[in-house]
Amino acid sequence: MEILGRTNGCDALVEAEETTPLIGQIPLEALDLVVDPRSREIRGDPEHPDAPLLDLPHVA
């Protein structure tokens, strides 16, 4: 999936062409995107405007 130039792999359910796609909270968080409730637009997280952050666990 690619939104606003940010890409991430995820599971998808394919529906008919007339269906409006829905994007869940987990894929949005993985892309570090937020929804502006006033404008109903998706935007990059203002805390990380240039690219999504990936938090990798430390392996000892």
PDB file of N, CA and C in Angstrom:
ATOM      1  N   MET A   1       0.844  -1.151   0.000  1.00  0.00           N
ATOM      2  CA  MET A   1       0.000   0.000   0.000  1.00  0.00           C
ATOM      3  C   MET A   1       0.899   1.225   0.000  1.00  0.00           C
ATOM      4  N   GLU A   2       0.496   2.241  -0.754  1.00  0.00           N
ATOM      5  CA  GLU A   2       1.220   3.514  -0.769  1.00  0.00           C
ATOM      6  C   GLU A   2       0.225   4.643  -0.578  1.00  0.00           C
ATOM      7  N   ILE A   3       0.520   5.485   0.411  1.00  0.00           N
ATOM      8  CA  ILE A   3      -0.289   6.668   0.671  1.00  0.00           C
ATOM      9  C   ILE A   3       0.670   7.819   0.911  1.00  0.00           C
ATOM     10  N   LEU A   4       0.481   8.909   0.182  1.00  0.00           N
ATOM     11  CA  LEU A   4       1.295  10.116   0.326  1.00  0.00           C
ATOM     12  C   LEU A   4       2.786   9.810   0.220  1.00  0.00           C
ATOM     13  N   GLY A   5       3.137   8.884  -0.660  1.00  0.00           N
ATOM     14  CA  GLY A   5       4.531   8.551  -0.888  1.00  0.00           C
ATOM     15  C   GLY A   5       5.138   7.625   0.150  1.00  0.00           C
ATOM     16  N   ARG A   6       4.364   7.185   1.107  1.00  0.00           N
ATOM     17  CA  ARG A   6       4.842   6.256   2.134  1.00  0.00           C
ATOM     18  C   ARG A   6       4.293   4.879   1.819  1.00  0.00           C
ATOM     19  N   THR A   7       5.147   3.870   1.850  1.00  0.00           N
ATOM     20  CA  THR A   7       4.720   2.523   1.481  1.00  0.00           C
ATOM     21  C   THR A   7       4.884   1.559   2.648  1.00  0.00           C
ATOM     22  N   ASN A   8       4.022   0.534   2.651  1.00  0.00           N
ATOM     23  CA  ASN A   8       4.077  -0.499   3.671  1.00  0.00           C
ATOM     24  C   ASN A   8       3.286  -1.698   3.170  1.00  0.00           C
ATOM     25  N   GLY A   9       3.758  -2.880   3.491  1.00  0.00           N
ATOM     26  CA  GLY A   9       3.033  -4.091   3.131  1.00  0.00           C
ATOM     27  C   GLY A   9       2.011  -4.426   4.201  1.00  0.00           C
ATOM     28  N   CYS A  10       0.848  -4.898   3.786  1.00  0.00           N
ATOM     29  CA  CYS A  10      -0.185  -5.299   4.740  1.00  0.00           C
ATOM     30  C   CYS A  10      -1.176  -6.215   4.036  1.00  0.00           C
ATOM     31  N   ASP A  11      -1.998  -6.889   4.821  1.00  0.00           N
ATOM     32  CA  ASP A  11      -3.062  -7.715   4.257  1.00  0.00           C
ATOM     33  C   ASP A  11      -4.165  -6.809   3.713  1.00  0.00           C
ATOM     34  N   ALA A  12      -4.845  -7.289   2.676  1.00  0.00           N
ATOM     35  CA  ALA A  12      -5.927  -6.494   2.088  1.00  0.00           C
ATOM     36  C   ALA A  12      -7.082  -7.404   1.708  1.00  0.00           C
ATOM     37  N   LEU A  13      -8.260  -6.869   1.746  1.00  0.00           N
ATOM     38  CA  LEU A  13      -9.464  -7.545   1.303  1.00  0.00           C
ATOM     39  C   LEU A  13      -9.914  -6.858   0.023  1.00  0.00           C
ATOM     40  N   VAL A  14     -10.030  -7.618  -1.057  1.00  0.00           N
ATOM     41  CA  VAL A  14     -10.400  -7.042  -2.351  1.00  0.00           C
ATOM     42  C   VAL A  14     -11.918  -7.045  -2.469  1.00  0.00           C
ATOM     43  N   GLU A  15     -12.472  -5.879  -2.756  1.00  0.00           N
ATOM     44  CA  GLU A  15     -13.915  -5.702  -2.902  1.00  0.00           C
ATOM     45  C   GLU A  15     -14.241  -5.264  -4.328  1.00  0.00           C
ATOM     46  N   ALA A  16     -15.510  -5.102  -4.622  1.00  0.00           N
ATOM     47  CA  ALA A  16     -15.963  -4.666  -5.936  1.00  0.00           C
ATOM     48  C   ALA A  16     -15.460  -3.252  -6.229  1.00  0.00           C
ATOM     49  N   GLU A  17     -15.391  -2.904  -7.510  1.00  0.00           N
ATOM     50  CA  GLU A  17     -14.861  -1.598  -7.924  1.00  0.00           C
ATOM     51  C   GLU A  17     -15.616  -0.415  -7.330  1.00  0.00           C
ATOM     52  N   GLU A  18     -16.909  -0.529  -7.141  1.00  0.00           N
ATOM     53  CA  GLU A  18     -17.712   0.591  -6.657  1.00  0.00           C
ATOM     54  C   GLU A  18     -17.538   0.835  -5.165  1.00  0.00           C
ATOM     55  N   THR A  19     -16.860  -0.048  -4.480  1.00  0.00           N
ATOM     56  CA  THR A  19     -16.719   0.033  -3.034  1.00  0.00           C
ATOM     57  C   THR A  19     -15.665   1.060  -2.633  1.00  0.00           C
ATOM     58  N   THR A  20     -15.979   1.865  -1.635  1.00  0.00           N
ATOM     59  CA  THR A  20     -15.018   2.836  -1.105  1.00  0.00           C
ATOM     60  C   THR A  20     -14.013   2.096  -0.226  1.00  0.00           C
ATOM     61  N   PRO A  21     -12.717   2.266  -0.497  1.00  0.00           N
ATOM     62  CA  PRO A  21     -11.723   1.567   0.330  1.00  0.00           C
ATOM     63  C   PRO A  21     -11.665   2.141   1.744  1.00  0.00           C
ATOM     64  N   LEU A  22     -11.500   1.264   2.709  1.00  0.00           N
ATOM     65  CA  LEU A  22     -11.342   1.669   4.102  1.00  0.00           C
ATOM     66  C   LEU A  22      -9.943   1.287   4.548  1.00  0.00           C
ATOM     67  N   ILE A  23      -9.287   2.180   5.237  1.00  0.00           N
ATOM     68  CA  ILE A  23      -7.939   1.922   5.730  1.00  0.00           C
ATOM     69  C   ILE A  23      -7.998   1.980   7.246  1.00  0.00           C
ATOM     70  N   GLY A  24      -7.560   0.911   7.880  1.00  0.00           N
ATOM     71  CA  GLY A  24      -7.642   0.813   9.329  1.00  0.00           C
ATOM     72  C   GLY A  24      -6.540   1.563  10.057  1.00  0.00           C
ATOM     73  N   GLN A  25      -6.687   1.598  11.367  1.00  0.00           N
ATOM     74  CA  GLN A  25      -5.755   2.321  12.223  1.00  0.00           C
ATOM     75  C   GLN A  25      -4.352   1.720  12.183  1.00  0.00           C
ATOM     76  N   ILE A  26      -4.230   0.402  12.139  1.00  0.00           N
ATOM     77  CA  ILE A  26      -2.903  -0.227  12.162  1.00  0.00           C
ATOM     78  C   ILE A  26      -2.100   0.127  10.916  1.00  0.00           C
ATOM     79  N   PRO A  27      -2.654   0.012   9.692  1.00  0.00           N
ATOM     80  CA  PRO A  27      -1.870   0.456   8.528  1.00  0.00           C
ATOM     81  C   PRO A  27      -1.531   1.948   8.571  1.00  0.00           C
ATOM     82  N   LEU A  28      -2.448   2.782   9.058  1.00  0.00           N
ATOM     83  CA  LEU A  28      -2.153   4.213   9.169  1.00  0.00           C
ATOM     84  C   LEU A  28      -1.004   4.460  10.135  1.00  0.00           C
ATOM     85  N   GLU A  29      -1.010   3.759  11.265  1.00  0.00           N
ATOM     86  CA  GLU A  29       0.073   3.914  12.230  1.00  0.00           C
ATOM     87  C   GLU A  29       1.388   3.408  11.662  1.00  0.00           C
ATOM     88  N   ALA A  30       1.345   2.312  10.897  1.00  0.00           N
ATOM     89  CA  ALA A  30       2.571   1.772  10.304  1.00  0.00           C
ATOM     90  C   ALA A  30       3.180   2.759   9.311  1.00  0.00           C
ATOM     91  N   LEU A  31       2.335   3.530   8.640  1.00  0.00           N
ATOM     92  CA  LEU A  31       2.809   4.542   7.699  1.00  0.00           C
ATOM     93  C   LEU A  31       3.087   5.877   8.386  1.00  0.00           C
ATOM     94  N   ASP A  32       2.856   5.937   9.693  1.00  0.00           N
ATOM     95  CA  ASP A  32       3.033   7.157  10.485  1.00  0.00           C
ATOM     96  C   ASP A  32       2.167   8.289   9.926  1.00  0.00           C
ATOM     97  N   LEU A  33       0.903   7.961   9.665  1.00  0.00           N
ATOM     98  CA  LEU A  33      -0.061   8.938   9.164  1.00  0.00           C
ATOM     99  C   LEU A  33      -1.135   9.175  10.216  1.00  0.00           C
ATOM    100  N   VAL A  34      -1.712  10.350  10.196  1.00  0.00           N
ATOM    101  CA  VAL A  34      -2.799  10.698  11.105  1.00  0.00           C
ATOM    102  C   VAL A  34      -3.959  11.253  10.295  1.00  0.00           C
ATOM    103  N   VAL A  35      -5.156  11.133  10.838  1.00  0.00           N
ATOM    104  CA  VAL A  35      -6.353  11.680  10.199  1.00  0.00           C
ATOM    105  C   VAL A  35      -6.701  12.988  10.894  1.00  0.00           C
ATOM    106  N   ASP A  36      -6.867  14.047  10.089  1.00  0.00           N
ATOM    107  CA  ASP A  36      -7.316  15.331  10.620  1.00  0.00           C
ATOM    108  C   ASP A  36      -8.839  15.276  10.695  1.00  0.00           C
ATOM    109  N   PRO A  37      -9.405  15.235  11.901  1.00  0.00           N
ATOM    110  CA  PRO A  37     -10.859  15.071  12.009  1.00  0.00           C
ATOM    111  C   PRO A  37     -11.670  16.235  11.451  1.00  0.00           C
ATOM    112  N   ARG A  38     -11.091  17.425  11.431  1.00  0.00           N
ATOM    113  CA  ARG A  38     -11.838  18.580  10.905  1.00  0.00           C
ATOM    114  C   ARG A  38     -11.954  18.532   9.395  1.00  0.00           C
ATOM    115  N   SER A  39     -10.835  18.286   8.708  1.00  0.00           N
ATOM    116  CA  SER A  39     -10.857  18.286   7.243  1.00  0.00           C
ATOM    117  C   SER A  39     -11.110  16.895   6.671  1.00  0.00           C
ATOM    118  N   ARG A  40     -10.994  15.871   7.529  1.00  0.00           N
ATOM    119  CA  ARG A  40     -11.154  14.470   7.115  1.00  0.00           C
ATOM    120  C   ARG A  40     -10.090  14.077   6.091  1.00  0.00           C
ATOM    121  N   GLU A  41      -8.898  14.628   6.247  1.00  0.00           N
ATOM    122  CA  GLU A  41      -7.771  14.329   5.367  1.00  0.00           C
ATOM    123  C   GLU A  41      -6.719  13.536   6.128  1.00  0.00           C
ATOM    124  N   ILE A  42      -5.977  12.728   5.373  1.00  0.00           N
ATOM    125  CA  ILE A  42      -4.858  11.983   5.937  1.00  0.00           C
ATOM    126  C   ILE A  42      -3.604  12.816   5.737  1.00  0.00           C
ATOM    127  N   ARG A  43      -2.806  12.922   6.791  1.00  0.00           N
ATOM    128  CA  ARG A  43      -1.575  13.709   6.729  1.00  0.00           C
ATOM    129  C   ARG A  43      -0.455  12.956   7.421  1.00  0.00           C
ATOM    130  N   GLY A  44       0.766  13.298   7.049  1.00  0.00           N
ATOM    131  CA  GLY A  44       1.914  12.759   7.764  1.00  0.00           C
ATOM    132  C   GLY A  44       1.903  13.269   9.192  1.00  0.00           C
ATOM    133  N   ASP A  45       2.368  12.444  10.111  1.00  0.00           N
ATOM    134  CA  ASP A  45       2.420  12.836  11.509  1.00  0.00           C
ATOM    135  C   ASP A  45       3.280  14.094  11.630  1.00  0.00           C
ATOM    136  N   PRO A  46       2.738  15.183  12.194  1.00  0.00           N
ATOM    137  CA  PRO A  46       3.505  16.421  12.295  1.00  0.00           C
ATOM    138  C   PRO A  46       4.792  16.270  13.109  1.00  0.00           C
ATOM    139  N   GLU A  47       4.848  15.272  13.992  1.00  0.00           N
ATOM    140  CA  GLU A  47       6.056  15.046  14.777  1.00  0.00           C
ATOM    141  C   GLU A  47       7.166  14.405  13.935  1.00  0.00           C
ATOM    142  N   HIS A  48       6.800  13.773  12.809  1.00  0.00           N
ATOM    143  CA  HIS A  48       7.767  13.121  11.910  1.00  0.00           C
ATOM    144  C   HIS A  48       7.362  13.427  10.467  1.00  0.00           C
ATOM    145  N   PRO A  49       7.471  14.663  10.017  1.00  0.00           N
ATOM    146  CA  PRO A  49       6.917  15.056   8.717  1.00  0.00           C
ATOM    147  C   PRO A  49       7.643  14.480   7.498  1.00  0.00           C
ATOM    148  N   ASP A  50       8.897  14.087   7.637  1.00  0.00           N
ATOM    149  CA  ASP A  50       9.662  13.668   6.462  1.00  0.00           C
ATOM    150  C   ASP A  50       9.504  12.208   6.097  1.00  0.00           C
ATOM    151  N   ALA A  51       9.287  11.346   7.078  1.00  0.00           N
ATOM    152  CA  ALA A  51       9.195   9.911   6.802  1.00  0.00           C
ATOM    153  C   ALA A  51       8.675   9.188   8.026  1.00  0.00           C
ATOM    154  N   PRO A  52       8.106   8.015   7.824  1.00  0.00           N
ATOM    155  CA  PRO A  52       7.645   7.238   8.978  1.00  0.00           C
ATOM    156  C   PRO A  52       8.822   6.749   9.807  1.00  0.00           C
ATOM    157  N   LEU A  53       8.577   6.597  11.085  1.00  0.00           N
ATOM    158  CA  LEU A  53       9.579   6.043  11.980  1.00  0.00           C
ATOM    159  C   LEU A  53       9.267   4.581  12.229  1.00  0.00           C
ATOM    160  N   LEU A  54      10.299   3.784  12.340  1.00  0.00           N
ATOM    161  CA  LEU A  54      10.126   2.362  12.619  1.00  0.00           C
ATOM    162  C   LEU A  54      10.855   2.061  13.909  1.00  0.00           C
ATOM    163  N   ASP A  55      10.117   1.620  14.905  1.00  0.00           N
ATOM    164  CA  ASP A  55      10.688   1.315  16.209  1.00  0.00           C
ATOM    165  C   ASP A  55      11.030  -0.169  16.250  1.00  0.00           C
ATOM    166  N   LEU A  56      12.306  -0.488  16.132  1.00  0.00           N
ATOM    167  CA  LEU A  56      12.746  -1.877  16.175  1.00  0.00           C
ATOM    168  C   LEU A  56      13.158  -2.252  17.587  1.00  0.00           C
ATOM    169  N   PRO A  57      12.718  -3.411  18.052  1.00  0.00           N
ATOM    170  CA  PRO A  57      13.115  -3.829  19.393  1.00  0.00           C
ATOM    171  C   PRO A  57      14.607  -4.132  19.455  1.00  0.00           C
ATOM    172  N   HIS A  58      15.210  -3.849  20.586  1.00  0.00           N
ATOM    173  CA  HIS A  58      16.628  -4.126  20.782  1.00  0.00           C
ATOM    174  C   HIS A  58      16.800  -5.613  21.092  1.00  0.00           C
ATOM    175  N   VAL A  59      17.657  -6.271  20.339  1.00  0.00           N
ATOM    176  CA  VAL A  59      17.918  -7.695  20.547  1.00  0.00           C
ATOM    177  C   VAL A  59      19.266  -7.817  21.263  1.00  0.00           C
ATOM    178  N   ALA A  60      19.252  -8.446  22.427  1.00  0.00           N
ATOM    179  CA  ALA A  60      20.500  -8.580  23.195  1.00  0.00           C
ATOM    180  C   ALA A  60      21.252  -9.834  22.823  1.00  0.00           C
TER     181      ALA A  60
END
